[in-house]
Protein backbone atom coordinates (compact mmCIF):
# COMPACT_ATOMS: atom_id res chain seq x y z
CA MET A 1 -13.63 -20.60 4.85
CA ARG A 2 -11.00 -21.55 7.40
CA GLN A 3 -10.27 -18.84 9.99
CA PRO A 4 -7.92 -20.30 12.60
CA LEU A 5 -7.84 -17.10 14.66
CA ALA A 6 -11.61 -16.63 14.79
CA GLY A 7 -12.60 -15.58 18.29
CA ILE A 8 -9.28 -13.80 18.89
CA ARG A 9 -9.51 -10.04 19.45
CA VAL A 10 -6.55 -7.82 18.61
CA LEU A 11 -6.02 -4.21 19.68
CA ASP A 12 -3.94 -2.45 17.05
CA MET A 13 -2.54 0.66 18.69
CA GLY A 14 0.31 1.07 16.25
CA THR A 15 0.83 3.63 13.54
CA ARG A 16 2.44 3.61 10.12
CA VAL A 17 3.52 0.11 9.17
CA ALA A 18 5.08 -2.51 11.45
CA ALA A 19 2.58 -2.99 14.30
CA PRO A 20 -0.49 -2.40 12.10
CA PHE A 21 0.88 -4.91 9.58
CA CYS A 22 1.31 -7.47 12.35
CA ALA A 23 -2.31 -6.89 13.41
CA GLY A 24 -3.45 -6.99 9.79
CA ILE A 25 -1.91 -10.42 9.22
CA LEU A 26 -3.73 -11.72 12.30
CA GLY A 27 -6.94 -10.18 10.98
CA GLU A 28 -6.58 -11.86 7.62
CA GLN A 29 -6.36 -15.16 9.47
CA GLY A 30 -9.67 -14.57 11.24
CA ALA A 31 -8.99 -12.35 14.25
CA GLU A 32 -11.15 -9.32 15.03
CA VAL A 33 -8.91 -6.26 14.85
CA ILE A 34 -9.80 -3.03 16.64
CA LYS A 35 -7.59 -0.11 15.74
CA ILE A 36 -7.03 2.49 18.45
CA GLU A 37 -6.39 5.89 16.87
CA ASP A 38 -5.75 9.40 18.06
CA PRO A 39 -9.05 11.35 17.82
CA ASP A 40 -7.43 14.31 16.07
CA ARG A 41 -4.95 12.75 13.64
CA GLY A 42 -5.58 9.04 13.40
CA ASP A 43 -2.93 6.69 12.06
CA LYS A 44 -0.18 8.61 10.29
CA THR A 45 -0.62 6.31 7.30
CA ARG A 46 -3.81 8.22 6.54
CA LEU A 47 -1.52 11.13 5.56
CA ASN A 48 0.81 9.08 3.32
CA GLY A 49 0.52 9.35 -0.45
CA PRO A 50 -0.22 8.58 -3.15
CA PHE A 51 -3.64 10.16 -2.92
CA THR A 52 -6.82 9.85 -4.89
CA VAL A 53 -9.93 12.03 -4.46
CA ASP A 54 -13.20 11.02 -2.82
CA ASP A 55 -16.66 12.08 -3.95
CA ASP A 56 -16.37 15.33 -1.99
CA GLY A 57 -13.07 16.27 -3.58
CA ASN A 58 -10.98 15.44 -0.52
CA ALA A 59 -7.58 13.77 -0.80
CA TYR A 60 -7.64 10.13 0.28
CA SER A 61 -4.58 7.97 0.92
CA LEU A 62 -4.32 4.81 -1.17
CA TYR A 63 -1.59 3.70 1.25
CA TRP A 64 -4.16 3.78 4.05
CA SER A 65 -6.73 2.04 1.84
CA VAL A 66 -4.41 -0.98 1.65
CA GLU A 67 -2.78 -1.04 5.09
CA GLY A 68 -5.82 0.09 7.07
CA ARG A 69 -8.19 -2.54 5.74
CA GLY A 70 -9.74 -5.37 7.73
CA ARG A 71 -10.21 -3.60 11.07
CA LYS A 72 -12.48 -1.36 13.09
CA SER A 73 -11.47 2.17 14.03
CA VAL A 74 -11.95 3.44 17.58
CA THR A 75 -10.66 6.84 18.63
CA ILE A 76 -9.22 7.18 22.13
CA ASN A 77 -6.97 9.88 23.55
CA LEU A 78 -4.37 7.68 25.25
CA ARG A 79 -2.68 10.73 26.76
CA SER A 80 -5.66 11.30 29.04
CA PRO A 81 -6.28 9.26 32.21
CA GLU A 82 -9.83 8.45 31.10
CA GLY A 83 -8.60 7.31 27.72
CA GLN A 84 -6.03 5.10 29.40
CA ASP A 85 -8.77 3.59 31.54
CA LEU A 86 -10.84 2.88 28.42
CA PHE A 87 -7.87 1.15 26.86
CA ARG A 88 -7.27 -1.01 29.94
CA ARG A 89 -10.93 -2.04 29.87
CA LEU A 90 -10.75 -2.93 26.17
CA ALA A 91 -7.54 -4.86 26.79
CA SER A 92 -9.28 -6.90 29.48
CA VAL A 93 -11.67 -8.29 26.85
CA SER A 94 -9.01 -8.77 24.17
CA ASP A 95 -6.27 -11.29 23.45
CA VAL A 96 -3.51 -9.40 21.66
CA VAL A 97 -2.06 -5.88 21.68
CA CYS A 98 0.18 -4.65 18.84
CA GLU A 99 2.11 -1.41 19.41
CA ASN A 100 5.13 0.42 18.03
CA PHE A 101 5.56 3.45 20.26
CA ARG A 102 9.00 4.47 21.43
CA PRO A 103 10.03 2.31 24.42
CA GLY A 104 8.77 3.77 27.68
CA THR A 105 5.70 5.45 26.17
CA LEU A 106 3.16 2.89 27.37
CA GLU A 107 4.81 2.90 30.79
CA ARG A 108 4.29 6.68 31.03
CA TRP A 109 0.66 6.20 30.05
CA ASN A 110 0.16 3.43 32.63
CA ILE A 111 -0.93 0.93 29.98
CA ASP A 112 2.23 -1.15 29.57
CA PRO A 113 1.94 -4.96 29.77
CA SER A 114 2.67 -5.03 33.51
CA GLN A 115 -0.55 -3.10 34.10
CA LEU A 116 -2.74 -5.15 31.76
CA ASP A 117 -4.37 -8.58 31.99
CA PRO A 118 -1.65 -11.27 32.09
CA ARG A 119 -3.61 -13.29 29.50
CA LEU A 120 -2.67 -10.70 26.87
CA VAL A 121 -0.08 -11.34 24.22
CA THR A 122 1.63 -8.02 23.52
CA ALA A 123 3.77 -7.43 20.44
CA ARG A 124 6.03 -4.47 21.16
CA ILE A 125 7.75 -3.21 18.03
CA SER A 126 10.47 -0.58 18.04
CA LEU A 127 13.57 0.41 16.11
CA TYR A 128 16.24 -0.94 18.46
CA GLY A 129 14.32 -2.98 21.05
CA GLN A 130 12.95 -2.30 24.51
CA GLN A 131 16.38 -2.26 26.20
CA GLY A 132 19.95 -1.38 25.28
CA PRO A 133 21.97 1.83 24.82
CA LYS A 134 20.12 2.75 21.61
CA SER A 135 16.62 1.69 22.69
CA LEU A 136 15.32 5.26 23.06
CA TYR A 137 16.64 6.49 19.72
CA ASN A 138 13.87 7.39 17.32
CA GLY A 139 13.94 6.44 13.66
CA PHE A 140 12.31 4.60 10.81
CA ASP A 141 12.78 1.72 8.40
CA HIS A 142 15.57 3.62 6.61
CA ASN A 143 17.57 3.61 9.83
CA ALA A 144 16.89 -0.06 10.55
CA VAL A 145 18.04 -1.37 7.18
CA ALA A 146 21.11 0.85 7.36
CA PHE A 147 21.99 -0.29 10.89
CA ALA A 148 21.46 -3.98 10.12
CA GLY A 149 23.76 -3.87 7.11
CA LEU A 150 21.26 -4.38 4.29
CA THR A 151 21.70 -0.92 2.81
CA HIS A 152 25.44 -1.56 2.58
CA LEU A 153 24.75 -4.61 0.41
CA THR A 154 22.20 -2.96 -1.86
CA GLY A 155 23.21 -1.25 -5.09
CA GLN A 156 25.85 -1.60 -7.78
CA PRO A 157 29.46 -2.43 -6.78
CA ASP A 158 30.75 0.91 -8.06
CA GLY A 159 27.83 2.93 -6.73
CA PRO A 160 26.67 4.18 -3.33
CA PRO A 161 24.65 2.13 -0.84
CA THR A 162 21.00 2.14 -1.86
CA ARG A 163 17.91 1.90 0.33
CA PRO A 164 15.52 -0.89 -0.70
CA ALA A 165 12.47 0.55 -2.44
CA LEU A 166 10.04 -0.69 0.22
CA PRO A 167 10.12 -0.46 4.03
CA VAL A 168 11.55 -3.94 4.34
CA SER A 169 12.18 -3.88 8.09
CA ASP A 170 8.64 -2.69 8.87
CA TYR A 171 7.02 -5.51 6.94
CA LEU A 172 9.51 -8.17 7.99
CA THR A 173 9.15 -7.26 11.65
CA GLY A 174 5.37 -7.33 11.32
CA VAL A 175 5.53 -10.85 9.91
CA PHE A 176 7.99 -12.11 12.55
CA ALA A 177 5.87 -10.56 15.29
CA ALA A 178 2.64 -12.10 13.97
CA GLN A 179 4.27 -15.53 13.96
CA ALA A 180 5.43 -15.02 17.55
CA VAL A 181 1.93 -13.91 18.56
CA THR A 182 0.42 -17.14 17.27
CA SER A 183 3.10 -19.12 19.14
CA LEU A 184 2.22 -17.46 22.44
CA LEU A 185 -1.51 -17.86 21.79
CA TYR A 186 -0.90 -21.57 21.23
CA GLU A 187 1.07 -21.79 24.45
CA ARG A 188 -1.65 -19.91 26.33
CA ASP A 189 -4.66 -21.77 24.95
CA ALA A 190 -3.69 -25.13 23.49
CA LYS A 191 -1.09 -25.89 26.16
CA GLY A 192 -3.26 -24.36 28.86
CA THR A 193 -0.83 -22.01 30.58
CA GLY A 194 -3.47 -19.29 30.75
CA THR A 195 -0.91 -16.53 30.42
CA GLY A 196 0.24 -14.58 27.40
CA GLY A 197 3.55 -12.80 27.19
CA VAL A 198 5.47 -9.92 25.67
CA ILE A 199 7.22 -10.03 22.29
CA ASP A 200 10.17 -7.66 21.89
CA ALA A 201 10.35 -7.26 18.11
CA TYR A 202 12.67 -4.61 16.70
CA LEU A 203 13.11 -3.42 13.15
CA TYR A 204 16.81 -3.96 12.71
CA GLY A 205 16.57 -7.43 14.28
CA SER A 206 14.27 -8.74 11.57
CA VAL A 207 16.68 -7.57 8.87
CA LEU A 208 19.69 -8.94 10.72
CA ARG A 209 18.01 -12.35 10.86
CA ILE A 210 17.85 -12.62 7.06
CA MET A 211 21.45 -11.56 6.40
CA GLU A 212 22.40 -15.10 5.40
CA TRP A 213 26.11 -15.91 5.89
CA THR A 214 27.25 -12.31 6.29
CA ILE A 215 28.21 -12.45 9.98
CA ALA A 216 29.57 -16.00 9.83
CA ALA A 217 31.89 -15.06 6.96
CA TYR A 218 33.12 -12.03 8.87
CA ASP A 219 33.70 -14.13 11.97
CA ARG A 220 35.58 -17.00 10.32
CA LEU A 221 37.05 -15.36 7.22
CA GLY A 222 37.33 -11.72 8.20
CA SER A 223 35.50 -10.75 5.03
CA VAL A 224 33.09 -7.82 4.74
CA ARG A 225 30.41 -8.72 2.24
CA PRO A 226 30.41 -6.27 -0.69
CA ARG A 227 27.69 -4.94 -2.96
CA THR A 228 27.25 -7.10 -6.06
CA GLY A 229 24.30 -5.41 -7.77
CA ASN A 230 22.12 -7.93 -9.57
CA ARG A 231 24.94 -10.45 -9.82
CA SER A 232 26.58 -12.80 -7.36
CA ASN A 233 30.23 -13.20 -6.49
CA ASN A 234 29.64 -16.89 -5.86
CA ALA A 235 28.01 -18.09 -9.07
CA ALA A 236 27.28 -17.27 -12.72
CA PRO A 237 25.41 -16.68 -14.91
CA LEU A 238 23.00 -14.72 -12.77
CA ASP A 239 21.88 -11.21 -13.68
CA ASN A 240 19.12 -9.03 -15.05
CA PHE A 241 19.85 -8.97 -18.76
CA GLN A 242 18.56 -6.23 -21.06
CA SER A 243 16.59 -7.41 -24.07
CA ARG A 244 16.38 -5.94 -27.56
CA ASP A 245 13.05 -4.27 -26.77
CA GLY A 246 14.47 -2.47 -23.73
CA ARG A 247 13.11 -4.73 -21.01
CA TYR A 248 15.08 -6.72 -18.45
CA VAL A 249 14.98 -10.46 -17.94
CA CYS A 250 16.30 -12.28 -14.88
CA VAL A 251 18.09 -15.51 -15.80
CA VAL A 252 19.50 -17.86 -13.16
CA ALA A 253 21.58 -20.72 -14.57
CA VAL A 254 24.26 -21.40 -11.98
CA ARG A 255 23.79 -25.15 -11.57
CA GLN A 256 25.72 -27.27 -14.05
CA ALA A 257 22.70 -28.99 -15.58
CA VAL A 258 20.83 -25.71 -15.90
CA PHE A 259 23.80 -23.96 -17.51
CA GLU A 260 24.03 -26.77 -20.06
CA ARG A 261 20.37 -26.23 -20.91
CA LEU A 262 20.96 -22.48 -21.19
CA CYS A 263 23.74 -23.11 -23.71
CA GLU A 264 21.25 -25.13 -25.76
CA ALA A 265 18.66 -22.33 -25.49
CA MET A 266 21.26 -19.81 -26.67
CA GLY A 267 22.40 -22.06 -29.51
CA ARG A 268 25.91 -22.04 -28.03
CA PRO A 269 26.73 -25.66 -27.09
CA GLU A 270 30.40 -25.00 -27.78
CA LEU A 271 30.62 -22.91 -24.60
CA LEU A 272 30.71 -26.11 -22.60
CA ALA A 273 34.07 -26.95 -24.13
CA ASP A 274 35.55 -23.63 -23.01
CA GLU A 275 37.44 -24.14 -19.76
CA ARG A 276 36.12 -20.78 -18.48
CA PHE A 277 32.56 -22.13 -18.73
CA ALA A 278 33.05 -25.83 -18.06
CA THR A 279 32.30 -26.03 -14.31
CA PRO A 280 30.51 -23.99 -11.64
CA LYS A 281 33.88 -23.08 -10.11
CA ALA A 282 35.27 -21.95 -13.45
CA ARG A 283 32.19 -19.84 -14.11
CA ARG A 284 32.47 -18.27 -10.68
CA LEU A 285 36.09 -17.31 -11.33
CA ASN A 286 35.16 -15.97 -14.77
CA ARG A 287 31.76 -14.60 -13.82
CA ASP A 288 32.15 -11.29 -15.66
CA VAL A 289 32.80 -12.93 -19.03
CA VAL A 290 30.09 -15.54 -18.40
CA ASN A 291 27.48 -12.91 -17.59
CA GLN A 292 28.63 -10.77 -20.51
CA THR A 293 28.20 -13.71 -22.90
CA VAL A 294 24.59 -14.18 -21.80
CA ALA A 295 24.05 -10.42 -21.95
CA GLU A 296 25.16 -10.29 -25.58
CA TRP A 297 22.77 -13.11 -26.46
CA ALA A 298 19.87 -11.45 -24.65
CA SER A 299 20.48 -8.08 -26.26
CA GLY A 300 19.61 -9.51 -29.67
CA LEU A 301 16.19 -10.86 -28.66
CA ASP A 302 12.93 -9.46 -27.36
CA ALA A 303 12.11 -10.26 -23.73
CA ALA A 304 9.25 -12.57 -24.68
CA THR A 305 11.54 -14.62 -26.91
CA ILE A 306 14.20 -14.92 -24.19
CA GLU A 307 11.56 -16.11 -21.76
CA GLU A 308 10.12 -18.59 -24.27
CA ARG A 309 13.51 -20.10 -25.12
CA CYS A 310 14.58 -20.39 -21.50
CA LEU A 311 11.30 -21.96 -20.41
CA SER A 312 11.35 -24.45 -23.26
CA HIS A 313 14.78 -25.61 -22.05
CA GLY A 314 13.98 -25.64 -18.33
CA VAL A 315 16.02 -22.57 -17.44
CA PRO A 316 14.72 -20.38 -14.57
CA VAL A 317 13.70 -17.05 -16.08
CA SER A 318 11.49 -14.09 -15.23
CA VAL A 319 10.74 -10.97 -17.19
CA ILE A 320 11.07 -8.09 -14.74
CA TYR A 321 7.55 -6.83 -14.23
CA ASP A 322 6.16 -3.46 -13.38
CA VAL A 323 2.79 -3.23 -11.66
CA ALA A 324 0.86 -3.20 -14.95
CA ASP A 325 2.49 -6.51 -15.87
CA VAL A 326 1.75 -7.98 -12.45
CA VAL A 327 -1.98 -7.30 -12.45
CA ALA A 328 -2.35 -8.54 -16.06
CA ASP A 329 -0.45 -11.80 -15.56
CA ASP A 330 -2.37 -15.06 -15.96
CA GLN A 331 -0.68 -16.65 -12.94
CA VAL A 332 -1.60 -13.74 -10.68
CA ARG A 333 -5.17 -13.90 -11.93
CA ALA A 334 -5.39 -17.67 -11.55
CA ARG A 335 -4.13 -17.48 -7.97
CA GLY A 336 -6.43 -14.61 -7.02
CA ASP A 337 -3.48 -12.53 -5.88
CA VAL A 338 -5.27 -9.26 -6.68
CA CYS A 339 -8.66 -8.68 -5.14
CA THR A 340 -11.20 -5.87 -5.24
CA VAL A 341 -11.82 -4.27 -1.86
CA ASP A 342 -14.90 -2.14 -1.24
CA ASP A 343 -13.36 0.93 0.38
CA PRO A 344 -16.00 2.92 2.33
CA VAL A 345 -14.57 6.21 1.06
CA ILE A 346 -13.67 5.62 -2.59
CA GLY A 347 -15.55 2.43 -3.42
CA PRO A 348 -14.09 -0.60 -5.23
CA VAL A 349 -10.29 -0.56 -5.52
CA ARG A 350 -7.96 -3.35 -6.59
CA GLN A 351 -5.32 -4.35 -4.05
CA GLN A 352 -3.06 -7.28 -3.28
CA ALA A 353 -5.01 -10.15 -1.73
CA PRO A 354 -4.30 -11.60 1.72
CA PHE A 355 -1.30 -13.90 1.87
CA PRO A 356 -0.68 -16.74 2.47
CA ARG A 357 -3.86 -18.71 2.05
CA PHE A 358 -4.97 -22.11 3.30
CA ASP A 359 -5.08 -24.95 0.80
CA GLY A 360 -8.52 -25.36 -0.68
CA ASP A 361 -9.74 -21.96 0.46
CA PRO A 362 -9.93 -18.94 -1.83
CA PRO A 363 -8.18 -15.87 -0.43
CA PRO A 364 -10.64 -13.84 1.65
CA VAL A 365 -11.61 -10.37 0.46
CA PRO A 366 -10.79 -7.90 3.27
CA VAL A 367 -13.20 -5.33 4.61
CA GLY A 368 -12.24 -1.84 3.46
CA ALA A 369 -10.15 0.48 5.62
CA PRO A 370 -12.41 2.27 8.12
CA ARG A 371 -13.07 5.96 8.40
CA LEU A 372 -11.44 7.56 11.44
CA GLY A 373 -13.47 6.60 14.52
CA GLU A 374 -16.08 4.79 12.46
CA HIS A 375 -16.60 2.07 15.06
CA THR A 376 -16.03 3.99 18.29
CA ASP A 377 -19.65 3.94 19.44
CA GLU A 378 -20.17 0.33 18.36
CA VAL A 379 -17.13 -0.97 20.25
CA LEU A 380 -17.50 1.09 23.41
CA SER A 381 -21.17 0.21 23.76
CA GLY A 382 -20.88 -3.41 22.63
CA LEU A 383 -17.73 -4.42 24.52
CA LEU A 384 -17.71 -2.04 27.48
CA GLY A 385 -21.44 -1.45 27.90
CA LEU A 386 -21.22 2.34 27.73
CA SER A 387 -24.49 4.16 27.19
CA GLU A 388 -25.08 6.68 24.44
CA ALA A 389 -25.00 9.47 27.01
CA GLN A 390 -21.66 8.27 28.41
CA ILE A 391 -20.15 8.09 24.92
CA ASP A 392 -21.42 11.57 24.08
CA ASP A 393 -19.90 12.91 27.30
CA LEU A 394 -16.51 11.33 26.51
CA ARG A 395 -16.61 12.82 23.03
CA GLU A 396 -17.43 16.30 24.31
CA ARG A 397 -14.41 16.13 26.63
CA ASN A 398 -12.13 14.93 23.80
CA VAL A 399 -11.46 11.59 25.44
CA ILE A 400 -12.64 9.83 22.28
């Protein structure tokens, strides 16, 4: 199985989502990932629900089971000088550091990039970036998507702004940062510079980057992009249409040829002679009546029938799935998009598989999320050469 990052060692010193997700992506592409956790609390994701129960009746985070997988856990008290020294030593035999502390934290602990091996590639993830008037503000994904303008665009036109259901900025920033890490590794190794670099990745920046034409339209047209719900102000028909059996089906038929095929699927070829439906521009100007016409057709059919008719006429269509639909779908099964991970605490548990994958290779099955500090002794002895007595002494003094 192809593992392009085999031989690369990553120190994941992040918590919650963004930095650990960056490290996790690198791990799924072959890197060894060592997670540095606080000896008392560990990654805060371990405390995030939903929870299941282990064999001893203790609550166990399924969030952690997914996002903590594929890495080793080493506990180090980074607030102590000895812990900071351990980290510097581990960094000297590593390639990448991923962190998402508030800017200035690593500097206070004397483990910022300026005090580490220059070969390191360091992904520094924060809410607002390492510099600027807001750089020291604390906050979370909710704040990032609000600040970048995505929350303003999300929701129905006559309703309030709505936060996306998932921490979009955390995951997006993790992906952007992982891509930048591989770029700097290529520059360091393939191009032979011998030095790494620092990546300043911030949550709102990743969201801002995907805001399409929003800023350009404001700059040139003075327009503030509004909420449009599931529809578009620029094309129709496009919506999530409710079916007779109470489900919702997404139909996208904005191109002329596709709309003509949709009219055939609906048994309404006469719509093409109506000037309100005749061209993409006309449908845009009359988008409410266009969408309503499709909605009335969909309301008289079950979701499966809508999907069948659209597919048979080459119209893009998707029944809106919940998780039960996703895991049961033949395409998901054929692609191996759900895998079974052997979690060391709760045993086999189905999770989303690594993504993307390399052509010809099946998606790898990740190693389960580690117990807190599970690999401390292994890593400190194997990489730093510490004896059992030295490790025991560090543990007694709460350094690890």
